[in-house]
Amino acid sequence: MATSSKRIALTAVLVAVGAVARISVGSVTMFVPPPLYAWVIAVGLTETLTFISGFTLGPVAGFVTGASIIVISDIATLPGSWTLPIAIIIGLIGVFAAVTRKLIKQLDFRIMAVSSILLTLMSETLQNVAIAVLFNTPIVATIAFGTPTLIVALANNLILFPTVGLRVIKMILGSASNGNNTSAIAR
């Protein structure tokens, strides 16, 4: 990205799309039976858009994208004591995406698939630990109770990171005016 205004605009678009998608999924969960809530709530674009932002725009933009999606969508739906810790955890996905870009020679389907698995496991585990601490519940029990959400989040991100994520990253880096950012992408 050549100018800071383009970077800010792209970050704002990713945040807006992510927040609207998360609010929409949250609205759907109001109409599903309670046993299905954990399965539906884990579907979404938040982690994928956060990874895209961190990989293409750097760790600060990645963190801001992830954290902002959570904060904005929670304000529109149901903010609580979990909002800040979850925002920080999702923001970390953007930071790790930027680190991934520094460490790899070429981004391809396999790197995106592995990234989706590792980052989802990290994110879901940290979120469950945060919830256990906030609500004073046993950590192991909270993680066990969160297993359905983990399964759906893994499937969701394993599908979206290597498909949508890789394609959008290629588009963003391919349109960069300086042209030297595309070397990290496998064609």
N, C-alpha and C. Protein backbone atom coordinates (compact mmCIF):
# COMPACT_ATOMS: atom_id res chain seq x y z
N MET A 1 0.85 -1.17 0.00
CA MET A 1 0.00 0.00 0.00
C MET A 1 0.89 1.24 0.00
N ALA A 2 0.61 2.14 -0.89
CA ALA A 2 1.48 3.28 -1.06
C ALA A 2 1.23 4.39 -0.05
N THR A 3 0.01 4.72 0.21
CA THR A 3 -0.27 5.86 1.08
C THR A 3 -1.00 5.42 2.34
N SER A 4 -0.85 6.22 3.36
CA SER A 4 -1.53 5.88 4.61
C SER A 4 -3.05 6.01 4.46
N SER A 5 -3.52 6.90 3.59
CA SER A 5 -4.97 7.02 3.41
C SER A 5 -5.56 5.75 2.79
N LYS A 6 -4.83 5.11 1.90
CA LYS A 6 -5.29 3.85 1.33
C LYS A 6 -5.30 2.75 2.40
N ARG A 7 -4.29 2.75 3.24
CA ARG A 7 -4.21 1.76 4.31
C ARG A 7 -5.37 1.94 5.30
N ILE A 8 -5.64 3.19 5.65
CA ILE A 8 -6.74 3.48 6.57
C ILE A 8 -8.08 3.09 5.94
N ALA A 9 -8.26 3.41 4.68
CA ALA A 9 -9.51 3.08 3.99
C ALA A 9 -9.71 1.57 3.92
N LEU A 10 -8.66 0.84 3.60
CA LEU A 10 -8.77 -0.62 3.51
C LEU A 10 -9.06 -1.22 4.88
N THR A 11 -8.39 -0.71 5.91
CA THR A 11 -8.66 -1.19 7.26
C THR A 11 -10.12 -0.93 7.63
N ALA A 12 -10.61 0.26 7.31
CA ALA A 12 -12.01 0.61 7.63
C ALA A 12 -12.99 -0.30 6.89
N VAL A 13 -12.70 -0.62 5.65
CA VAL A 13 -13.58 -1.51 4.88
C VAL A 13 -13.58 -2.91 5.50
N LEU A 14 -12.41 -3.43 5.84
CA LEU A 14 -12.34 -4.76 6.45
C LEU A 14 -13.08 -4.79 7.79
N VAL A 15 -12.94 -3.74 8.58
CA VAL A 15 -13.66 -3.65 9.86
C VAL A 15 -15.16 -3.60 9.62
N ALA A 16 -15.59 -2.77 8.69
CA ALA A 16 -17.03 -2.63 8.42
C ALA A 16 -17.64 -3.95 7.95
N VAL A 17 -16.99 -4.61 7.00
CA VAL A 17 -17.50 -5.89 6.49
C VAL A 17 -17.54 -6.92 7.62
N GLY A 18 -16.48 -6.98 8.41
CA GLY A 18 -16.42 -7.94 9.51
C GLY A 18 -17.47 -7.68 10.57
N ALA A 19 -17.66 -6.42 10.93
CA ALA A 19 -18.65 -6.08 11.96
C ALA A 19 -20.06 -6.40 11.48
N VAL A 20 -20.37 -6.05 10.24
CA VAL A 20 -21.71 -6.34 9.70
C VAL A 20 -21.94 -7.85 9.63
N ALA A 21 -20.93 -8.60 9.19
CA ALA A 21 -21.08 -10.05 9.13
C ALA A 21 -21.29 -10.64 10.52
N ARG A 22 -20.53 -10.15 11.49
CA ARG A 22 -20.64 -10.67 12.86
C ARG A 22 -21.99 -10.30 13.48
N ILE A 23 -22.46 -9.09 13.23
CA ILE A 23 -23.78 -8.68 13.73
C ILE A 23 -24.87 -9.54 13.09
N SER A 24 -24.73 -9.82 11.80
CA SER A 24 -25.72 -10.65 11.10
C SER A 24 -25.77 -12.06 11.66
N VAL A 25 -24.60 -12.66 11.87
CA VAL A 25 -24.56 -14.01 12.45
C VAL A 25 -25.14 -13.98 13.86
N GLY A 26 -24.81 -12.95 14.63
CA GLY A 26 -25.36 -12.82 15.98
C GLY A 26 -26.87 -12.73 15.97
N SER A 27 -27.42 -12.05 14.96
CA SER A 27 -28.88 -11.94 14.85
C SER A 27 -29.52 -13.29 14.55
N VAL A 28 -28.86 -14.08 13.71
CA VAL A 28 -29.37 -15.40 13.37
C VAL A 28 -29.41 -16.30 14.60
N THR A 29 -28.40 -16.16 15.46
CA THR A 29 -28.33 -17.04 16.63
C THR A 29 -29.51 -16.84 17.58
N MET A 30 -30.17 -15.70 17.49
CA MET A 30 -31.33 -15.46 18.35
C MET A 30 -32.50 -16.36 18.00
N PHE A 31 -32.46 -16.95 16.81
CA PHE A 31 -33.57 -17.76 16.34
C PHE A 31 -33.25 -19.24 16.28
N VAL A 32 -32.09 -19.63 16.75
CA VAL A 32 -31.75 -21.05 16.74
C VAL A 32 -31.93 -21.62 18.15
N PRO A 33 -32.24 -22.90 18.24
CA PRO A 33 -32.38 -23.52 19.56
C PRO A 33 -31.05 -23.43 20.33
N PRO A 34 -31.12 -23.26 21.64
CA PRO A 34 -29.89 -23.11 22.45
C PRO A 34 -28.80 -24.15 22.18
N PRO A 35 -29.14 -25.43 21.96
CA PRO A 35 -28.05 -26.39 21.70
C PRO A 35 -27.26 -26.09 20.42
N LEU A 36 -27.88 -25.38 19.49
CA LEU A 36 -27.20 -25.07 18.22
C LEU A 36 -26.43 -23.75 18.27
N TYR A 37 -26.62 -22.97 19.31
CA TYR A 37 -25.98 -21.65 19.42
C TYR A 37 -24.48 -21.72 19.21
N ALA A 38 -23.83 -22.64 19.92
CA ALA A 38 -22.37 -22.74 19.83
C ALA A 38 -21.91 -23.11 18.43
N TRP A 39 -22.75 -23.80 17.68
CA TRP A 39 -22.38 -24.19 16.32
C TRP A 39 -22.52 -23.01 15.36
N VAL A 40 -23.54 -22.21 15.56
CA VAL A 40 -23.81 -21.10 14.63
C VAL A 40 -22.91 -19.90 14.90
N ILE A 41 -22.65 -19.60 16.17
CA ILE A 41 -21.93 -18.38 16.53
C ILE A 41 -20.49 -18.37 16.01
N ALA A 42 -19.93 -19.53 15.74
CA ALA A 42 -18.53 -19.60 15.30
C ALA A 42 -18.37 -19.39 13.80
N VAL A 43 -19.47 -19.23 13.08
CA VAL A 43 -19.40 -19.00 11.64
C VAL A 43 -19.20 -17.51 11.40
N GLY A 44 -18.27 -17.17 10.54
CA GLY A 44 -18.09 -15.76 10.23
C GLY A 44 -16.77 -15.45 9.54
N LEU A 45 -16.56 -14.16 9.33
CA LEU A 45 -15.39 -13.67 8.60
C LEU A 45 -14.36 -12.99 9.48
N THR A 46 -14.63 -12.85 10.76
CA THR A 46 -13.78 -12.02 11.62
C THR A 46 -12.31 -12.42 11.55
N GLU A 47 -12.01 -13.69 11.78
CA GLU A 47 -10.61 -14.11 11.79
C GLU A 47 -9.98 -14.00 10.41
N THR A 48 -10.72 -14.32 9.37
CA THR A 48 -10.17 -14.24 8.02
C THR A 48 -9.83 -12.79 7.66
N LEU A 49 -10.74 -11.87 7.92
CA LEU A 49 -10.49 -10.46 7.61
C LEU A 49 -9.34 -9.90 8.46
N THR A 50 -9.24 -10.35 9.70
CA THR A 50 -8.15 -9.92 10.56
C THR A 50 -6.82 -10.42 10.02
N PHE A 51 -6.79 -11.66 9.56
CA PHE A 51 -5.56 -12.22 8.97
C PHE A 51 -5.19 -11.45 7.71
N ILE A 52 -6.16 -11.19 6.86
CA ILE A 52 -5.91 -10.44 5.62
C ILE A 52 -5.29 -9.08 5.95
N SER A 53 -5.87 -8.39 6.91
CA SER A 53 -5.37 -7.07 7.29
C SER A 53 -3.95 -7.14 7.83
N GLY A 54 -3.70 -8.06 8.73
CA GLY A 54 -2.37 -8.18 9.30
C GLY A 54 -1.34 -8.56 8.26
N PHE A 55 -1.69 -9.46 7.37
CA PHE A 55 -0.74 -9.92 6.35
C PHE A 55 -0.43 -8.82 5.35
N THR A 56 -1.44 -8.08 4.93
CA THR A 56 -1.23 -7.08 3.87
C THR A 56 -0.84 -5.70 4.40
N LEU A 57 -1.31 -5.34 5.58
CA LEU A 57 -1.11 -3.98 6.08
C LEU A 57 -0.20 -3.89 7.30
N GLY A 58 0.14 -5.03 7.90
CA GLY A 58 1.05 -5.02 9.04
C GLY A 58 0.36 -5.29 10.36
N PRO A 59 1.16 -5.44 11.42
CA PRO A 59 0.63 -5.87 12.71
C PRO A 59 -0.33 -4.88 13.37
N VAL A 60 -0.07 -3.59 13.22
CA VAL A 60 -0.95 -2.61 13.86
C VAL A 60 -2.33 -2.62 13.20
N ALA A 61 -2.35 -2.57 11.88
CA ALA A 61 -3.63 -2.62 11.16
C ALA A 61 -4.35 -3.94 11.41
N GLY A 62 -3.60 -5.03 11.47
CA GLY A 62 -4.20 -6.33 11.75
C GLY A 62 -4.84 -6.37 13.12
N PHE A 63 -4.12 -5.86 14.12
CA PHE A 63 -4.67 -5.84 15.47
C PHE A 63 -5.91 -4.94 15.53
N VAL A 64 -5.79 -3.75 14.94
CA VAL A 64 -6.91 -2.79 14.96
C VAL A 64 -8.13 -3.40 14.26
N THR A 65 -7.92 -4.08 13.14
CA THR A 65 -9.03 -4.69 12.42
C THR A 65 -9.76 -5.71 13.29
N GLY A 66 -9.01 -6.66 13.84
CA GLY A 66 -9.64 -7.69 14.66
C GLY A 66 -10.33 -7.15 15.89
N ALA A 67 -9.62 -6.28 16.62
CA ALA A 67 -10.20 -5.73 17.84
C ALA A 67 -11.42 -4.86 17.53
N SER A 68 -11.34 -4.09 16.47
CA SER A 68 -12.47 -3.20 16.12
C SER A 68 -13.70 -3.98 15.69
N ILE A 69 -13.51 -5.06 14.95
CA ILE A 69 -14.65 -5.88 14.54
C ILE A 69 -15.40 -6.36 15.78
N ILE A 70 -14.66 -6.84 16.77
CA ILE A 70 -15.28 -7.36 17.98
C ILE A 70 -15.98 -6.24 18.76
N VAL A 71 -15.28 -5.14 18.99
CA VAL A 71 -15.84 -4.05 19.79
C VAL A 71 -17.08 -3.45 19.12
N ILE A 72 -16.98 -3.14 17.84
CA ILE A 72 -18.10 -2.51 17.13
C ILE A 72 -19.31 -3.45 17.08
N SER A 73 -19.08 -4.72 16.75
CA SER A 73 -20.22 -5.64 16.65
C SER A 73 -20.81 -5.92 18.04
N ASP A 74 -19.98 -5.97 19.07
CA ASP A 74 -20.53 -6.17 20.41
C ASP A 74 -21.34 -4.96 20.87
N ILE A 75 -20.88 -3.77 20.56
CA ILE A 75 -21.63 -2.56 20.91
C ILE A 75 -23.01 -2.60 20.25
N ALA A 76 -23.06 -3.10 19.02
CA ALA A 76 -24.33 -3.16 18.29
C ALA A 76 -25.22 -4.31 18.76
N THR A 77 -24.65 -5.28 19.44
CA THR A 77 -25.46 -6.44 19.85
C THR A 77 -25.50 -6.56 21.37
N LEU A 78 -24.45 -7.08 21.96
CA LEU A 78 -24.46 -7.32 23.39
C LEU A 78 -23.05 -7.21 23.97
N PRO A 79 -22.63 -5.99 24.34
CA PRO A 79 -21.30 -5.87 24.95
C PRO A 79 -21.33 -6.41 26.37
N GLY A 80 -20.19 -6.87 26.80
CA GLY A 80 -20.09 -7.36 28.17
C GLY A 80 -18.65 -7.37 28.62
N SER A 81 -18.41 -7.97 29.76
CA SER A 81 -17.06 -8.01 30.30
C SER A 81 -16.12 -8.82 29.42
N TRP A 82 -16.65 -9.61 28.52
CA TRP A 82 -15.85 -10.42 27.61
C TRP A 82 -15.37 -9.64 26.39
N THR A 83 -15.97 -8.50 26.10
CA THR A 83 -15.67 -7.79 24.86
C THR A 83 -14.20 -7.42 24.73
N LEU A 84 -13.63 -6.79 25.72
CA LEU A 84 -12.22 -6.37 25.63
C LEU A 84 -11.26 -7.54 25.51
N PRO A 85 -11.35 -8.58 26.38
CA PRO A 85 -10.41 -9.69 26.20
C PRO A 85 -10.55 -10.39 24.86
N ILE A 86 -11.78 -10.58 24.39
CA ILE A 86 -11.98 -11.23 23.10
C ILE A 86 -11.43 -10.35 21.98
N ALA A 87 -11.63 -9.05 22.08
CA ALA A 87 -11.09 -8.12 21.07
C ALA A 87 -9.57 -8.21 21.00
N ILE A 88 -8.92 -8.28 22.15
CA ILE A 88 -7.46 -8.39 22.18
C ILE A 88 -7.01 -9.72 21.56
N ILE A 89 -7.70 -10.78 21.89
CA ILE A 89 -7.34 -12.10 21.36
C ILE A 89 -7.49 -12.14 19.84
N ILE A 90 -8.60 -11.62 19.32
CA ILE A 90 -8.80 -11.60 17.87
C ILE A 90 -7.78 -10.67 17.22
N GLY A 91 -7.47 -9.55 17.85
CA GLY A 91 -6.45 -8.65 17.33
C GLY A 91 -5.10 -9.35 17.17
N LEU A 92 -4.80 -10.28 18.07
CA LEU A 92 -3.53 -11.02 17.99
C LEU A 92 -3.42 -11.82 16.69
N ILE A 93 -4.55 -12.24 16.15
CA ILE A 93 -4.51 -12.96 14.86
C ILE A 93 -3.89 -12.06 13.79
N GLY A 94 -4.24 -10.77 13.81
CA GLY A 94 -3.65 -9.83 12.86
C GLY A 94 -2.16 -9.66 13.06
N VAL A 95 -1.73 -9.65 14.31
CA VAL A 95 -0.30 -9.54 14.61
C VAL A 95 0.43 -10.78 14.10
N PHE A 96 -0.12 -11.96 14.38
CA PHE A 96 0.52 -13.19 13.92
C PHE A 96 0.50 -13.31 12.39
N ALA A 97 -0.50 -12.74 11.74
CA ALA A 97 -0.51 -12.73 10.27
C ALA A 97 0.67 -11.92 9.74
N ALA A 98 0.96 -10.79 10.37
CA ALA A 98 2.10 -9.96 9.96
C ALA A 98 3.41 -10.72 10.18
N VAL A 99 3.50 -11.43 11.29
CA VAL A 99 4.69 -12.24 11.57
C VAL A 99 4.82 -13.34 10.53
N THR A 100 3.71 -13.97 10.17
CA THR A 100 3.71 -15.01 9.14
C THR A 100 4.29 -14.47 7.84
N ARG A 101 3.90 -13.28 7.47
CA ARG A 101 4.40 -12.68 6.23
C ARG A 101 5.92 -12.52 6.27
N LYS A 102 6.44 -12.16 7.43
CA LYS A 102 7.89 -11.98 7.57
C LYS A 102 8.63 -13.32 7.51
N LEU A 103 8.00 -14.39 7.95
CA LEU A 103 8.67 -15.68 8.07
C LEU A 103 8.62 -16.55 6.81
N ILE A 104 7.63 -16.36 5.97
CA ILE A 104 7.46 -17.26 4.82
C ILE A 104 8.04 -16.66 3.55
N LYS A 105 8.36 -17.55 2.63
CA LYS A 105 8.85 -17.09 1.32
C LYS A 105 7.70 -16.93 0.35
N GLN A 106 6.73 -17.85 0.41
CA GLN A 106 5.57 -17.77 -0.47
C GLN A 106 4.30 -18.18 0.28
N LEU A 107 3.26 -17.39 0.11
CA LEU A 107 1.97 -17.71 0.71
C LEU A 107 1.18 -18.54 -0.29
N ASP A 108 0.74 -19.71 0.16
CA ASP A 108 -0.05 -20.57 -0.70
C ASP A 108 -1.17 -21.23 0.12
N PHE A 109 -1.90 -22.11 -0.52
CA PHE A 109 -3.03 -22.78 0.11
C PHE A 109 -2.62 -23.48 1.41
N ARG A 110 -1.48 -24.19 1.37
CA ARG A 110 -1.05 -24.95 2.55
C ARG A 110 -0.71 -24.03 3.72
N ILE A 111 0.00 -22.94 3.46
CA ILE A 111 0.35 -22.00 4.53
C ILE A 111 -0.92 -21.41 5.12
N MET A 112 -1.88 -21.07 4.28
CA MET A 112 -3.14 -20.51 4.78
C MET A 112 -3.91 -21.55 5.60
N ALA A 113 -3.90 -22.81 5.16
CA ALA A 113 -4.60 -23.86 5.90
C ALA A 113 -3.95 -24.08 7.26
N VAL A 114 -2.63 -24.18 7.29
CA VAL A 114 -1.92 -24.37 8.55
C VAL A 114 -2.13 -23.16 9.47
N SER A 115 -2.05 -21.96 8.90
CA SER A 115 -2.28 -20.74 9.69
C SER A 115 -3.68 -20.75 10.29
N SER A 116 -4.67 -21.17 9.51
CA SER A 116 -6.05 -21.18 10.02
C SER A 116 -6.18 -22.13 11.20
N ILE A 117 -5.55 -23.28 11.11
CA ILE A 117 -5.66 -24.26 12.19
C ILE A 117 -4.95 -23.75 13.45
N LEU A 118 -3.70 -23.31 13.30
CA LEU A 118 -2.93 -22.86 14.46
C LEU A 118 -3.56 -21.64 15.13
N LEU A 119 -3.95 -20.66 14.32
CA LEU A 119 -4.52 -19.44 14.89
C LEU A 119 -5.90 -19.67 15.50
N THR A 120 -6.67 -20.57 14.92
CA THR A 120 -7.98 -20.88 15.50
C THR A 120 -7.82 -21.60 16.83
N LEU A 121 -6.90 -22.55 16.89
CA LEU A 121 -6.64 -23.24 18.16
C LEU A 121 -6.18 -22.25 19.23
N MET A 122 -5.27 -21.35 18.85
CA MET A 122 -4.81 -20.33 19.80
C MET A 122 -5.96 -19.44 20.25
N SER A 123 -6.71 -18.94 19.29
CA SER A 123 -7.79 -18.00 19.58
C SER A 123 -8.87 -18.63 20.46
N GLU A 124 -9.35 -19.79 20.07
CA GLU A 124 -10.43 -20.43 20.82
C GLU A 124 -9.98 -20.83 22.23
N THR A 125 -8.74 -21.30 22.36
CA THR A 125 -8.23 -21.66 23.68
C THR A 125 -8.13 -20.42 24.57
N LEU A 126 -7.55 -19.35 24.04
CA LEU A 126 -7.44 -18.12 24.83
C LEU A 126 -8.81 -17.53 25.18
N GLN A 127 -9.74 -17.60 24.24
CA GLN A 127 -11.09 -17.10 24.53
C GLN A 127 -11.74 -17.90 25.65
N ASN A 128 -11.59 -19.21 25.61
CA ASN A 128 -12.17 -20.04 26.68
C ASN A 128 -11.50 -19.77 28.02
N VAL A 129 -10.19 -19.57 28.02
CA VAL A 129 -9.50 -19.24 29.27
C VAL A 129 -9.99 -17.90 29.79
N ALA A 130 -10.13 -16.92 28.90
CA ALA A 130 -10.64 -15.60 29.32
C ALA A 130 -12.03 -15.70 29.92
N ILE A 131 -12.90 -16.47 29.29
CA ILE A 131 -14.26 -16.65 29.80
C ILE A 131 -14.22 -17.34 31.16
N ALA A 132 -13.37 -18.36 31.30
CA ALA A 132 -13.26 -19.06 32.59
C ALA A 132 -12.80 -18.11 33.69
N VAL A 133 -11.85 -17.26 33.38
CA VAL A 133 -11.36 -16.30 34.38
C VAL A 133 -12.43 -15.26 34.69
N LEU A 134 -13.08 -14.74 33.66
CA LEU A 134 -14.11 -13.71 33.88
C LEU A 134 -15.29 -14.22 34.71
N PHE A 135 -15.68 -15.46 34.46
CA PHE A 135 -16.87 -15.99 35.13
C PHE A 135 -16.53 -16.99 36.23
N ASN A 136 -15.26 -17.07 36.57
CA ASN A 136 -14.80 -17.90 37.67
C ASN A 136 -15.29 -19.35 37.54
N THR A 137 -15.05 -19.92 36.37
CA THR A 137 -15.40 -21.32 36.12
C THR A 137 -14.10 -22.10 35.88
N PRO A 138 -14.12 -23.38 36.07
CA PRO A 138 -12.91 -24.18 35.83
C PRO A 138 -12.48 -24.09 34.36
N ILE A 139 -11.20 -23.87 34.15
CA ILE A 139 -10.69 -23.68 32.79
C ILE A 139 -10.91 -24.91 31.93
N VAL A 140 -10.60 -26.08 32.45
CA VAL A 140 -10.75 -27.31 31.66
C VAL A 140 -12.21 -27.54 31.29
N ALA A 141 -13.11 -27.30 32.22
CA ALA A 141 -14.54 -27.47 31.94
C ALA A 141 -15.00 -26.46 30.89
N THR A 142 -14.51 -25.23 30.98
CA THR A 142 -14.89 -24.21 30.01
C THR A 142 -14.37 -24.56 28.62
N ILE A 143 -13.15 -25.05 28.55
CA ILE A 143 -12.60 -25.47 27.26
C ILE A 143 -13.40 -26.65 26.71
N ALA A 144 -13.74 -27.61 27.56
CA ALA A 144 -14.54 -28.75 27.12
C ALA A 144 -15.92 -28.30 26.62
N PHE A 145 -16.53 -27.39 27.36
CA PHE A 145 -17.84 -26.87 26.96
C PHE A 145 -17.75 -26.10 25.64
N GLY A 146 -16.59 -25.51 25.36
CA GLY A 146 -16.38 -24.75 24.12
C GLY A 146 -15.98 -25.59 22.92
N THR A 147 -15.91 -26.90 23.08
CA THR A 147 -15.48 -27.77 21.98
C THR A 147 -16.36 -27.65 20.73
N PRO A 148 -17.69 -27.60 20.83
CA PRO A 148 -18.48 -27.43 19.60
C PRO A 148 -18.12 -26.15 18.84
N THR A 149 -17.91 -25.07 19.57
CA THR A 149 -17.53 -23.81 18.92
C THR A 149 -16.17 -23.95 18.27
N LEU A 150 -15.24 -24.62 18.93
CA LEU A 150 -13.91 -24.85 18.36
C LEU A 150 -14.00 -25.63 17.06
N ILE A 151 -14.82 -26.66 17.03
CA ILE A 151 -14.95 -27.49 15.83
C ILE A 151 -15.48 -26.66 14.66
N VAL A 152 -16.53 -25.87 14.91
CA VAL A 152 -17.10 -25.04 13.85
C VAL A 152 -16.11 -23.95 13.42
N ALA A 153 -15.45 -23.33 14.39
CA ALA A 153 -14.47 -22.29 14.06
C ALA A 153 -13.33 -22.86 13.21
N LEU A 154 -12.86 -24.06 13.55
CA LEU A 154 -11.81 -24.70 12.75
C LEU A 154 -12.30 -24.95 11.32
N ALA A 155 -13.50 -25.50 11.19
CA ALA A 155 -14.04 -25.76 9.84
C ALA A 155 -14.22 -24.46 9.07
N ASN A 156 -14.82 -23.47 9.72
CA ASN A 156 -15.05 -22.17 9.11
C ASN A 156 -13.74 -21.56 8.60
N ASN A 157 -12.74 -21.49 9.48
CA ASN A 157 -11.48 -20.85 9.11
C ASN A 157 -10.67 -21.69 8.14
N LEU A 158 -10.78 -23.01 8.24
CA LEU A 158 -10.07 -23.88 7.30
C LEU A 158 -10.63 -23.74 5.89
N ILE A 159 -11.88 -23.38 5.79
CA ILE A 159 -12.48 -23.12 4.47
C ILE A 159 -12.15 -21.70 4.00
N LEU A 160 -12.34 -20.70 4.88
CA LEU A 160 -12.23 -19.31 4.46
C LEU A 160 -10.80 -18.78 4.30
N PHE A 161 -9.88 -19.18 5.17
CA PHE A 161 -8.51 -18.67 5.06
C PHE A 161 -7.89 -19.01 3.70
N PRO A 162 -7.86 -20.31 3.30
CA PRO A 162 -7.18 -20.64 2.04
C PRO A 162 -7.95 -20.25 0.78
N THR A 163 -9.23 -19.97 0.90
CA THR A 163 -10.00 -19.62 -0.30
C THR A 163 -10.18 -18.10 -0.37
N VAL A 164 -11.10 -17.59 0.43
CA VAL A 164 -11.38 -16.14 0.43
C VAL A 164 -10.14 -15.36 0.85
N GLY A 165 -9.51 -15.78 1.94
CA GLY A 165 -8.36 -15.06 2.47
C GLY A 165 -7.23 -14.95 1.47
N LEU A 166 -6.85 -16.06 0.88
CA LEU A 166 -5.75 -16.06 -0.09
C LEU A 166 -6.08 -15.21 -1.31
N ARG A 167 -7.31 -15.32 -1.79
CA ARG A 167 -7.72 -14.54 -2.96
C ARG A 167 -7.70 -13.04 -2.68
N VAL A 168 -8.22 -12.63 -1.54
CA VAL A 168 -8.26 -11.20 -1.19
C VAL A 168 -6.84 -10.67 -0.96
N ILE A 169 -6.00 -11.46 -0.31
CA ILE A 169 -4.60 -11.03 -0.13
C ILE A 169 -3.93 -10.83 -1.48
N LYS A 170 -4.13 -11.74 -2.41
CA LYS A 170 -3.56 -11.59 -3.75
C LYS A 170 -4.07 -10.32 -4.43
N MET A 171 -5.37 -10.05 -4.28
CA MET A 171 -5.94 -8.84 -4.89
C MET A 171 -5.33 -7.58 -4.28
N ILE A 172 -5.24 -7.54 -2.96
CA ILE A 172 -4.72 -6.35 -2.29
C ILE A 172 -3.26 -6.12 -2.65
N LEU A 173 -2.45 -7.16 -2.54
CA LEU A 173 -1.03 -7.00 -2.83
C LEU A 173 -0.77 -6.79 -4.32
N GLY A 174 -1.63 -7.37 -5.15
CA GLY A 174 -1.48 -7.19 -6.59
C GLY A 174 -1.82 -5.78 -7.03
N SER A 175 -2.67 -5.09 -6.25
CA SER A 175 -3.05 -3.73 -6.62
C SER A 175 -2.16 -2.69 -5.95
N ALA A 176 -1.22 -3.14 -5.11
CA ALA A 176 -0.33 -2.19 -4.44
C ALA A 176 0.47 -1.44 -5.50
N SER A 177 0.51 -0.15 -5.36
CA SER A 177 1.14 0.68 -6.40
C SER A 177 2.64 0.46 -6.53
N ASN A 178 3.31 0.07 -5.45
CA ASN A 178 4.75 -0.10 -5.57
C ASN A 178 5.13 -1.46 -6.14
N GLY A 179 4.20 -2.39 -6.20
CA GLY A 179 4.41 -3.65 -6.89
C GLY A 179 5.39 -4.62 -6.25
N ASN A 180 6.10 -4.24 -5.22
CA ASN A 180 7.09 -5.16 -4.66
C ASN A 180 6.53 -6.03 -3.55
N ASN A 181 5.27 -5.92 -3.24
CA ASN A 181 4.69 -6.70 -2.16
C ASN A 181 4.17 -8.06 -2.62
N THR A 182 4.13 -8.34 -3.90
CA THR A 182 3.53 -9.57 -4.37
C THR A 182 4.48 -10.76 -4.29
N SER A 183 5.73 -10.55 -3.94
CA SER A 183 6.69 -11.66 -3.94
C SER A 183 6.36 -12.71 -2.88
N ALA A 184 5.59 -12.40 -1.88
CA ALA A 184 5.25 -13.36 -0.83
C ALA A 184 4.07 -14.24 -1.21
N ILE A 185 3.53 -14.05 -2.41
CA ILE A 185 2.35 -14.80 -2.83
C ILE A 185 2.71 -15.78 -3.92
N ALA A 186 2.30 -17.04 -3.74
CA ALA A 186 2.49 -18.05 -4.77
C ALA A 186 1.43 -17.85 -5.84
N ARG A 187 1.83 -17.82 -7.05
CA ARG A 187 0.87 -17.61 -8.16
C ARG A 187 0.25 -18.89 -8.59
